[in-house]
PDB file of all heavy atoms in Angstrom:
ATOM      1  N   MET A   1      49.657  93.058-238.741  1.00  0.00           N
ATOM      2  CA  MET A   1      50.756  93.581-239.528  1.00  0.00           C
ATOM      3  C   MET A   1      52.118  93.189-238.954  1.00  0.00           C
ATOM      4  O   MET A   1      53.123  93.231-239.647  1.00  0.00           O
ATOM      5  CB  MET A   1      50.661  95.110-239.607  1.00  0.00           C
ATOM      6  CG  MET A   1      49.475  95.621-240.402  1.00  0.00           C
ATOM      7  SD  MET A   1      49.373  97.429-240.405  1.00  0.00           S
ATOM      8  CE  MET A   1      50.922  97.845-241.229  1.00  0.00           C
ATOM      9  N   TYR A   2      52.149  92.824-237.673  1.00  0.00           N
ATOM     10  CA  TYR A   2      53.426  92.556-237.019  1.00  0.00           C
ATOM     11  C   TYR A   2      53.447  91.173-236.350  1.00  0.00           C
ATOM     12  O   TYR A   2      53.876  91.051-235.199  1.00  0.00           O
ATOM     13  CB  TYR A   2      53.694  93.634-235.975  1.00  0.00           C
ATOM     14  CG  TYR A   2      53.688  95.031-236.538  1.00  0.00           C
ATOM     15  CD1 TYR A   2      52.536  95.802-236.508  1.00  0.00           C
ATOM     16  CD2 TYR A   2      54.832  95.570-237.120  1.00  0.00           C
ATOM     17  CE1 TYR A   2      52.523  97.095-237.038  1.00  0.00           C
ATOM     18  CE2 TYR A   2      54.826  96.854-237.656  1.00  0.00           C
ATOM     19  CZ  TYR A   2      53.666  97.610-237.612  1.00  0.00           C
ATOM     20  OH  TYR A   2      53.660  98.876-238.139  1.00  0.00           O
ATOM     21  N   PRO A   3      53.021  90.117-237.034  1.00  0.00           N
ATOM     22  CA  PRO A   3      52.926  88.803-236.365  1.00  0.00           C
ATOM     23  C   PRO A   3      54.267  88.259-235.900  1.00  0.00           C
ATOM     24  O   PRO A   3      54.356  87.672-234.811  1.00  0.00           O
ATOM     25  CB  PRO A   3      52.300  87.902-237.446  1.00  0.00           C
ATOM     26  CG  PRO A   3      52.577  88.596-238.750  1.00  0.00           C
ATOM     27  CD  PRO A   3      52.557  90.053-238.433  1.00  0.00           C
ATOM     28  N   ASP A   4      55.317  88.421-236.705  1.00  0.00           N
ATOM     29  CA  ASP A   4      56.621  87.894-236.306  1.00  0.00           C
ATOM     30  C   ASP A   4      57.166  88.617-235.082  1.00  0.00           C
ATOM     31  O   ASP A   4      57.707  87.991-234.161  1.00  0.00           O
ATOM     32  CB  ASP A   4      57.617  88.010-237.464  1.00  0.00           C
ATOM     33  CG  ASP A   4      57.251  87.106-238.635  1.00  0.00           C
ATOM     34  OD1 ASP A   4      56.525  86.125-238.406  1.00  0.00           O
ATOM     35  OD2 ASP A   4      57.681  87.402-239.764  1.00  0.00           O
ATOM     36  N   LEU A   5      57.015  89.936-235.078  1.00  0.00           N
ATOM     37  CA  LEU A   5      57.504  90.719-233.948  1.00  0.00           C
ATOM     38  C   LEU A   5      56.713  90.417-232.680  1.00  0.00           C
ATOM     39  O   LEU A   5      57.285  90.217-231.601  1.00  0.00           O
ATOM     40  CB  LEU A   5      57.401  92.209-234.285  1.00  0.00           C
ATOM     41  CG  LEU A   5      57.934  93.190-233.246  1.00  0.00           C
ATOM     42  CD1 LEU A   5      59.417  92.959-233.002  1.00  0.00           C
ATOM     43  CD2 LEU A   5      57.691  94.617-233.694  1.00  0.00           C
ATOM     44  N   VAL A   6      55.385  90.348-232.814  1.00  0.00           N
ATOM     45  CA  VAL A   6      54.533  90.018-231.666  1.00  0.00           C
ATOM     46  C   VAL A   6      54.901  88.641-231.124  1.00  0.00           C
ATOM     47  O   VAL A   6      55.037  88.444-229.901  1.00  0.00           O
ATOM     48  CB  VAL A   6      53.042  90.060-232.077  1.00  0.00           C
ATOM     49  CG1 VAL A   6      52.173  89.425-230.995  1.00  0.00           C
ATOM     50  CG2 VAL A   6      52.602  91.489-232.334  1.00  0.00           C
ATOM     51  N   GLY A   7      55.088  87.677-232.024  1.00  0.00           N
ATOM     52  CA  GLY A   7      55.441  86.334-231.585  1.00  0.00           C
ATOM     53  C   GLY A   7      56.794  86.279-230.894  1.00  0.00           C
ATOM     54  O   GLY A   7      56.966  85.572-229.892  1.00  0.00           O
ATOM     55  N   ALA A   8      57.779  87.043-231.404  1.00  0.00           N
ATOM     56  CA  ALA A   8      59.111  87.040-230.799  1.00  0.00           C
ATOM     57  C   ALA A   8      59.082  87.629-229.389  1.00  0.00           C
ATOM     58  O   ALA A   8      59.712  87.089-228.468  1.00  0.00           O
ATOM     59  CB  ALA A   8      60.076  87.829-231.689  1.00  0.00           C
ATOM     60  N   ILE A   9      58.355  88.731-229.206  1.00  0.00           N
ATOM     61  CA  ILE A   9      58.275  89.334-227.872  1.00  0.00           C
ATOM     62  C   ILE A   9      57.536  88.412-226.915  1.00  0.00           C
ATOM     63  O   ILE A   9      57.955  88.200-225.769  1.00  0.00           O
ATOM     64  CB  ILE A   9      57.572  90.705-227.951  1.00  0.00           C
ATOM     65  CG1 ILE A   9      58.381  91.671-228.821  1.00  0.00           C
ATOM     66  CG2 ILE A   9      57.384  91.289-226.549  1.00  0.00           C
ATOM     67  CD1 ILE A   9      57.678  92.993-229.079  1.00  0.00           C
ATOM     68  N   ARG A  10      56.437  87.845-227.397  1.00  0.00           N
ATOM     69  CA  ARG A  10      55.648  86.949-226.536  1.00  0.00           C
ATOM     70  C   ARG A  10      56.449  85.719-226.129  1.00  0.00           C
ATOM     71  O   ARG A  10      56.522  85.357-224.955  1.00  0.00           O
ATOM     72  CB  ARG A  10      54.375  86.535-227.276  1.00  0.00           C
ATOM     73  CG  ARG A  10      53.461  85.611-226.448  1.00  0.00           C
ATOM     74  CD  ARG A  10      52.278  85.136-227.254  1.00  0.00           C
ATOM     75  NE  ARG A  10      52.714  84.358-228.414  1.00  0.00           N
ATOM     76  CZ  ARG A  10      52.468  84.710-229.669  1.00  0.00           C
ATOM     77  NH1 ARG A  10      51.808  85.820-229.934  1.00  0.00           N
ATOM     78  NH2 ARG A  10      52.903  83.949-230.672  1.00  0.00           N
ATOM     79  N   ASP A  11      57.069  85.055-227.113  1.00  0.00           N
ATOM     80  CA  ASP A  11      57.800  83.822-226.799  1.00  0.00           C
ATOM     81  C   ASP A  11      59.091  84.096-226.033  1.00  0.00           C
ATOM     82  O   ASP A  11      59.525  83.271-225.226  1.00  0.00           O
ATOM     83  CB  ASP A  11      58.125  83.079-228.096  1.00  0.00           C
ATOM     84  CG  ASP A  11      56.870  82.586-228.814  1.00  0.00           C
ATOM     85  OD1 ASP A  11      55.819  82.501-228.160  1.00  0.00           O
ATOM     86  OD2 ASP A  11      56.949  82.323-230.029  1.00  0.00           O
ATOM     87  N   GLY A  12      59.698  85.260-226.277  1.00  0.00           N
ATOM     88  CA  GLY A  12      60.957  85.559-225.608  1.00  0.00           C
ATOM     89  C   GLY A  12      60.807  86.050-224.188  1.00  0.00           C
ATOM     90  O   GLY A  12      61.662  85.775-223.337  1.00  0.00           O
ATOM     91  N   LEU A  13      59.710  86.769-223.895  1.00  0.00           N
ATOM     92  CA  LEU A  13      59.565  87.393-222.578  1.00  0.00           C
ATOM     93  C   LEU A  13      58.357  86.925-221.776  1.00  0.00           C
ATOM     94  O   LEU A  13      58.375  86.960-220.540  1.00  0.00           O
ATOM     95  CB  LEU A  13      59.478  88.922-222.746  1.00  0.00           C
ATOM     96  CG  LEU A  13      60.700  89.615-223.358  1.00  0.00           C
ATOM     97  CD1 LEU A  13      60.430  91.107-223.493  1.00  0.00           C
ATOM     98  CD2 LEU A  13      61.947  89.371-222.525  1.00  0.00           C
ATOM     99  N   TYR A  14      57.292  86.493-222.464  1.00  0.00           N
ATOM    100  CA  TYR A  14      56.041  86.232-221.751  1.00  0.00           C
ATOM    101  C   TYR A  14      55.458  84.857-222.055  1.00  0.00           C
ATOM    102  O   TYR A  14      54.261  84.642-221.877  1.00  0.00           O
ATOM    103  CB  TYR A  14      55.014  87.313-222.119  1.00  0.00           C
ATOM    104  CG  TYR A  14      55.471  88.717-221.809  1.00  0.00           C
ATOM    105  CD1 TYR A  14      55.822  89.591-222.829  1.00  0.00           C
ATOM    106  CD2 TYR A  14      55.557  89.176-220.497  1.00  0.00           C
ATOM    107  CE1 TYR A  14      56.255  90.891-222.553  1.00  0.00           C
ATOM    108  CE2 TYR A  14      55.985  90.459-220.207  1.00  0.00           C
ATOM    109  CZ  TYR A  14      56.329  91.313-221.247  1.00  0.00           C
ATOM    110  OH  TYR A  14      56.761  92.586-220.966  1.00  0.00           O
ATOM    111  N   LYS A  15      56.270  83.939-222.494  1.00  0.00           N
ATOM    112  CA  LYS A  15      55.777  82.625-222.879  1.00  0.00           C
ATOM    113  C   LYS A  15      55.081  81.913-221.734  1.00  0.00           C
ATOM    114  O   LYS A  15      54.070  81.216-221.930  1.00  0.00           O
ATOM    115  CB  LYS A  15      56.942  81.771-223.392  1.00  0.00           C
ATOM    116  CG  LYS A  15      56.512  80.438-223.980  1.00  0.00           C
ATOM    117  CD  LYS A  15      57.693  79.706-224.584  1.00  0.00           C
ATOM    118  CE  LYS A  15      57.248  78.397-225.231  1.00  0.00           C
ATOM    119  NZ  LYS A  15      58.392  77.680-225.860  1.00  0.00           N
ATOM    120  N   ASP A  16      55.583  82.063-220.525  1.00  0.00           N
ATOM    121  CA  ASP A  16      55.017  81.373-219.361  1.00  0.00           C
ATOM    122  C   ASP A  16      54.174  82.310-218.494  1.00  0.00           C
ATOM    123  O   ASP A  16      53.872  81.988-217.342  1.00  0.00           O
ATOM    124  CB  ASP A  16      56.143  80.763-218.519  1.00  0.00           C
ATOM    125  CG  ASP A  16      56.941  79.734-219.298  1.00  0.00           C
ATOM    126  OD1 ASP A  16      56.326  78.994-220.089  1.00  0.00           O
ATOM    127  OD2 ASP A  16      58.174  79.692-219.129  1.00  0.00           O
ATOM    128  N   THR A  17      53.809  83.462-219.031  1.00  0.00           N
ATOM    129  CA  THR A  17      53.024  84.445-218.271  1.00  0.00           C
ATOM    130  C   THR A  17      51.673  84.624-218.944  1.00  0.00           C
ATOM    131  O   THR A  17      51.544  85.341-219.929  1.00  0.00           O
ATOM    132  CB  THR A  17      53.753  85.799-218.205  1.00  0.00           C
ATOM    133  OG1 THR A  17      55.104  85.575-217.773  1.00  0.00           O
ATOM    134  CG2 THR A  17      53.064  86.737-217.230  1.00  0.00           C
ATOM    135  N   LYS A  18      50.649  83.959-218.415  1.00  0.00           N
ATOM    136  CA  LYS A  18      49.345  83.939-219.062  1.00  0.00           C
ATOM    137  C   LYS A  18      48.598  85.277-218.952  1.00  0.00           C
ATOM    138  O   LYS A  18      47.743  85.577-219.787  1.00  0.00           O
ATOM    139  CB  LYS A  18      48.485  82.831-218.455  1.00  0.00           C
ATOM    140  CG  LYS A  18      49.032  81.427-218.708  1.00  0.00           C
ATOM    141  CD  LYS A  18      48.125  80.375-218.111  1.00  0.00           C
ATOM    142  CE  LYS A  18      48.664  78.975-218.383  1.00  0.00           C
ATOM    143  NZ  LYS A  18      47.793  77.922-217.791  1.00  0.00           N
ATOM    144  N   HIS A  19      48.896  86.065-217.928  1.00  0.00           N
ATOM    145  CA  HIS A  19      48.118  87.283-217.702  1.00  0.00           C
ATOM    146  C   HIS A  19      48.707  88.502-218.423  1.00  0.00           C
ATOM    147  O   HIS A  19      48.217  89.607-218.237  1.00  0.00           O
ATOM    148  CB  HIS A  19      48.005  87.577-216.207  1.00  0.00           C
ATOM    149  CG  HIS A  19      49.313  87.907-215.551  1.00  0.00           C
ATOM    150  ND1 HIS A  19      50.222  86.944-215.185  1.00  0.00           N
ATOM    151  CD2 HIS A  19      49.861  89.101-215.199  1.00  0.00           C
ATOM    152  CE1 HIS A  19      51.268  87.518-214.644  1.00  0.00           C
ATOM    153  NE2 HIS A  19      51.088  88.823-214.642  1.00  0.00           N
ATOM    154  N   ILE A  20      49.759  88.313-219.242  1.00  0.00           N
ATOM    155  CA  ILE A  20      50.314  89.417-220.022  1.00  0.00           C
ATOM    156  C   ILE A  20      50.265  89.037-221.499  1.00  0.00           C
ATOM    157  O   ILE A  20      50.773  87.991-221.900  1.00  0.00           O
ATOM    158  CB  ILE A  20      51.762  89.741-219.608  1.00  0.00           C
ATOM    159  CG1 ILE A  20      51.807  90.162-218.133  1.00  0.00           C
ATOM    160  CG2 ILE A  20      52.327  90.859-220.483  1.00  0.00           C
ATOM    161  CD1 ILE A  20      53.191  90.494-217.623  1.00  0.00           C
ATOM    162  N   LEU A  21      49.648  89.892-222.313  1.00  0.00           N
ATOM    163  CA  LEU A  21      49.485  89.632-223.734  1.00  0.00           C
ATOM    164  C   LEU A  21      50.312  90.619-224.547  1.00  0.00           C
ATOM    165  O   LEU A  21      50.499  91.767-224.142  1.00  0.00           O
ATOM    166  CB  LEU A  21      48.016  89.761-224.132  1.00  0.00           C
ATOM    167  CG  LEU A  21      47.017  88.881-223.372  1.00  0.00           C
ATOM    168  CD1 LEU A  21      45.596  89.190-223.851  1.00  0.00           C
ATOM    169  CD2 LEU A  21      47.333  87.407-223.543  1.00  0.00           C
ATOM    170  N   VAL A  22      50.797  90.177-225.684  1.00  0.00           N
ATOM    171  CA  VAL A  22      51.470  91.046-226.648  1.00  0.00           C
ATOM    172  C   VAL A  22      50.521  91.163-227.840  1.00  0.00           C
ATOM    173  O   VAL A  22      50.221  90.169-228.501  1.00  0.00           O
ATOM    174  CB  VAL A  22      52.827  90.473-227.081  1.00  0.00           C
ATOM    175  CG1 VAL A  22      53.531  91.457-228.004  1.00  0.00           C
ATOM    176  CG2 VAL A  22      53.698  90.173-225.860  1.00  0.00           C
ATOM    177  N   VAL A  23      50.043  92.388-228.111  1.00  0.00           N
ATOM    178  CA  VAL A  23      48.921  92.579-229.031  1.00  0.00           C
ATOM    179  C   VAL A  23      49.310  93.507-230.180  1.00  0.00           C
ATOM    180  O   VAL A  23      49.926  94.552-229.969  1.00  0.00           O
ATOM    181  CB  VAL A  23      47.709  93.182-228.275  1.00  0.00           C
ATOM    182  CG1 VAL A  23      46.510  93.286-229.202  1.00  0.00           C
ATOM    183  CG2 VAL A  23      47.381  92.347-227.041  1.00  0.00           C
ATOM    184  N   ASP A  24      48.935  93.109-231.387  1.00  0.00           N
ATOM    185  CA  ASP A  24      49.054  94.003-232.540  1.00  0.00           C
ATOM    186  C   ASP A  24      47.915  95.007-232.460  1.00  0.00           C
ATOM    187  O   ASP A  24      46.759  94.674-232.699  1.00  0.00           O
ATOM    188  CB  ASP A  24      48.956  93.182-233.832  1.00  0.00           C
ATOM    189  CG  ASP A  24      49.061  94.044-235.098  1.00  0.00           C
ATOM    190  OD1 ASP A  24      49.014  95.276-234.990  1.00  0.00           O
ATOM    191  OD2 ASP A  24      49.150  93.467-236.188  1.00  0.00           O
ATOM    192  N   THR A  25      48.230  96.242-232.088  1.00  0.00           N
ATOM    193  CA  THR A  25      47.197  97.271-231.931  1.00  0.00           C
ATOM    194  C   THR A  25      47.237  98.316-233.046  1.00  0.00           C
ATOM    195  O   THR A  25      46.624  99.377-232.933  1.00  0.00           O
ATOM    196  CB  THR A  25      47.349  97.974-230.567  1.00  0.00           C
ATOM    197  OG1 THR A  25      48.724  98.314-230.336  1.00  0.00           O
ATOM    198  CG2 THR A  25      46.865  97.083-229.445  1.00  0.00           C
ATOM    199  N   SER A  26      47.934  98.021-234.123  1.00  0.00           N
ATOM    200  CA  SER A  26      48.065  99.005-235.201  1.00  0.00           C
ATOM    201  C   SER A  26      46.720  99.367-235.813  1.00  0.00           C
ATOM    202  O   SER A  26      46.533 100.477-236.312  1.00  0.00           O
ATOM    203  CB  SER A  26      49.007  98.477-236.285  1.00  0.00           C
ATOM    204  OG  SER A  26      48.540  97.237-236.797  1.00  0.00           O
ATOM    205  N   GLN A  27      45.755  98.422-235.761  1.00  0.00           N
ATOM    206  CA  GLN A  27      44.418  98.682-236.284  1.00  0.00           C
ATOM    207  C   GLN A  27      43.369  98.638-235.177  1.00  0.00           C
ATOM    208  O   GLN A  27      42.186  98.472-235.443  1.00  0.00           O
ATOM    209  CB  GLN A  27      44.069  97.641-237.351  1.00  0.00           C
ATOM    210  CG  GLN A  27      45.050  97.576-238.508  1.00  0.00           C
ATOM    211  CD  GLN A  27      45.113  98.868-239.294  1.00  0.00           C
ATOM    212  OE1 GLN A  27      44.085  99.502-239.548  1.00  0.00           O
ATOM    213  NE2 GLN A  27      46.319  99.280-239.683  1.00  0.00           N
TER     214      GLN A  27
END
């Protein structure tokens, strides 16, 4: 439900950090 938001957080803060994931957990 939140692909754009998840992608923005991941690419903005964790793009080079493989051990941290940004996950859509709404479901």
